[in-house]
Amino acid sequence: MEIRLNGTLTKDDYERFVPDTEELIRQHDKIRMLVIMDDFHGWDAGALWEDIKWDCRHFNHVECIAVVGDKRWQKWMTGFCQPFTTATVQYFEHDQLPAARAWLNECCAD
């Protein structure tokens, strides 16, 4: 699943996003995510709560997460989130987007 984040995420964004992820998890049990941050400023309070709830529900349903960003705090956040998921998480700069996609295809391959 590929997700592009820009601006500030709101609770309404999660109401549009969550059904797609829920359906993919129902179909595949585990998913891989490519999160691309373009001019991303973070979450408002409602979105942060929705994110926490989603993370708790799907702690074991995400195999790998490739995070692509361009800000120091985004790289820090990637490392900070690692203990809260069973997924393998890797940070990439924007110019490494092809490498992020390749890593996702290989990170959990048997």
Protein backbone atom coordinates (compact mmCIF):
# COMPACT_ATOMS: atom_id res chain seq x y z
CA MET A 1 0.00 0.00 0.00
CA GLU A 2 1.34 3.42 -0.93
CA ILE A 3 0.35 6.45 1.13
CA ARG A 4 1.29 10.06 0.37
CA LEU A 5 1.13 12.45 3.30
CA ASN A 6 1.14 16.22 2.94
CA GLY A 7 0.00 19.10 5.07
CA THR A 8 -1.48 18.14 8.43
CA LEU A 9 -3.42 14.88 8.83
CA THR A 10 -6.91 15.18 10.30
CA LYS A 11 -9.44 12.71 11.68
CA ASP A 12 -11.33 13.02 8.37
CA ASP A 13 -8.22 11.80 6.53
CA TYR A 14 -8.25 8.66 8.67
CA GLU A 15 -11.92 8.09 7.93
CA ARG A 16 -10.98 7.92 4.22
CA PHE A 17 -7.76 5.94 4.72
CA VAL A 18 -8.70 3.29 7.27
CA PRO A 19 -11.31 1.39 5.21
CA ASP A 20 -8.73 0.79 2.45
CA THR A 21 -6.16 -0.56 4.90
CA GLU A 22 -8.78 -2.68 6.68
CA GLU A 23 -9.78 -4.26 3.35
CA LEU A 24 -6.17 -5.00 2.39
CA ILE A 25 -5.55 -6.59 5.78
CA ARG A 26 -8.71 -8.73 5.43
CA GLN A 27 -7.50 -9.88 2.00
CA HIS A 28 -3.82 -10.47 2.81
CA ASP A 29 -3.55 -10.66 6.63
CA LYS A 30 -0.26 -8.69 6.47
CA ILE A 31 0.57 -5.67 4.36
CA ARG A 32 3.61 -3.62 3.42
CA MET A 33 3.41 0.16 3.41
CA LEU A 34 5.27 2.85 1.51
CA VAL A 35 4.72 6.18 3.28
CA ILE A 36 5.84 9.19 1.26
CA MET A 37 5.93 12.50 3.14
CA ASP A 38 5.69 15.57 0.89
CA ASP A 39 5.56 18.84 2.83
CA PHE A 40 4.10 16.86 5.74
CA HIS A 41 3.53 18.76 8.99
CA GLY A 42 2.22 16.02 11.28
CA TRP A 43 -1.12 15.18 12.83
CA ASP A 44 -3.81 17.21 14.54
CA ALA A 45 -5.13 15.84 17.86
CA GLY A 46 -8.03 13.92 16.29
CA ALA A 47 -5.78 12.29 13.71
CA LEU A 48 -3.18 11.37 16.31
CA TRP A 49 -5.87 9.55 18.33
CA GLU A 50 -7.07 7.71 15.19
CA ASP A 51 -3.47 6.74 14.41
CA ILE A 52 -2.93 5.34 17.90
CA LYS A 53 -6.15 3.29 17.67
CA TRP A 54 -5.20 1.95 14.22
CA ASP A 55 -1.71 1.05 15.42
CA CYS A 56 -3.11 -0.86 18.40
CA ARG A 57 -5.60 -2.78 16.24
CA HIS A 58 -3.05 -3.67 13.56
CA PHE A 59 0.14 -4.06 15.57
CA ASN A 60 0.84 -7.43 13.91
CA HIS A 61 -0.67 -6.80 10.47
CA VAL A 62 2.09 -4.70 8.90
CA GLU A 63 5.25 -6.53 7.76
CA CYS A 64 7.38 -3.66 6.51
CA ILE A 65 7.14 0.11 6.35
CA ALA A 66 9.33 2.22 4.10
CA VAL A 67 9.14 5.89 5.11
CA VAL A 68 10.30 8.45 2.55
CA GLY A 69 10.83 11.99 3.78
CA ASP A 70 13.08 15.01 3.77
CA LYS A 71 13.03 16.36 7.30
CA ARG A 72 15.20 15.44 10.28
CA TRP A 73 12.12 14.95 12.52
CA GLN A 74 10.65 12.47 9.99
CA LYS A 75 13.79 10.35 10.19
CA TRP A 76 13.74 10.59 13.99
CA MET A 77 10.04 9.67 14.06
CA THR A 78 10.74 6.54 12.00
CA GLY A 79 13.19 5.31 14.63
CA PHE A 80 10.93 6.35 17.49
CA CYS A 81 8.00 4.32 16.11
CA GLN A 82 9.95 1.06 15.75
CA PRO A 83 9.21 -0.25 19.29
CA PHE A 84 5.46 0.22 18.72
CA THR A 85 5.17 -2.17 15.78
CA THR A 86 6.30 -5.63 14.79
CA ALA A 87 6.99 -4.27 11.29
CA THR A 88 10.47 -3.75 9.96
CA VAL A 89 10.78 0.01 9.42
CA GLN A 90 13.32 1.79 7.23
CA TYR A 91 13.75 5.51 6.45
CA PHE A 92 14.72 6.81 3.00
CA GLU A 93 15.34 10.30 1.62
CA HIS A 94 13.18 11.45 -1.33
CA ASP A 95 15.96 10.80 -3.83
CA GLN A 96 15.99 7.17 -2.61
CA LEU A 97 12.35 6.44 -3.54
CA PRO A 98 13.29 3.68 -6.03
CA ALA A 99 15.45 2.07 -3.32
CA ALA A 100 12.53 2.28 -0.87
CA ARG A 101 10.27 0.45 -3.31
CA ALA A 102 12.95 -2.20 -3.95
CA TRP A 103 13.50 -2.63 -0.20
CA LEU A 104 9.76 -3.18 0.36
CA ASN A 105 9.67 -5.85 -2.34
CA GLU A 106 12.56 -7.68 -0.70
CA CYS A 107 12.35 -6.87 3.02
CA CYS A 108 10.02 -9.67 4.00
CA ALA A 109 10.45 -12.02 1.06
CA ASP A 110 10.90 -15.64 2.00
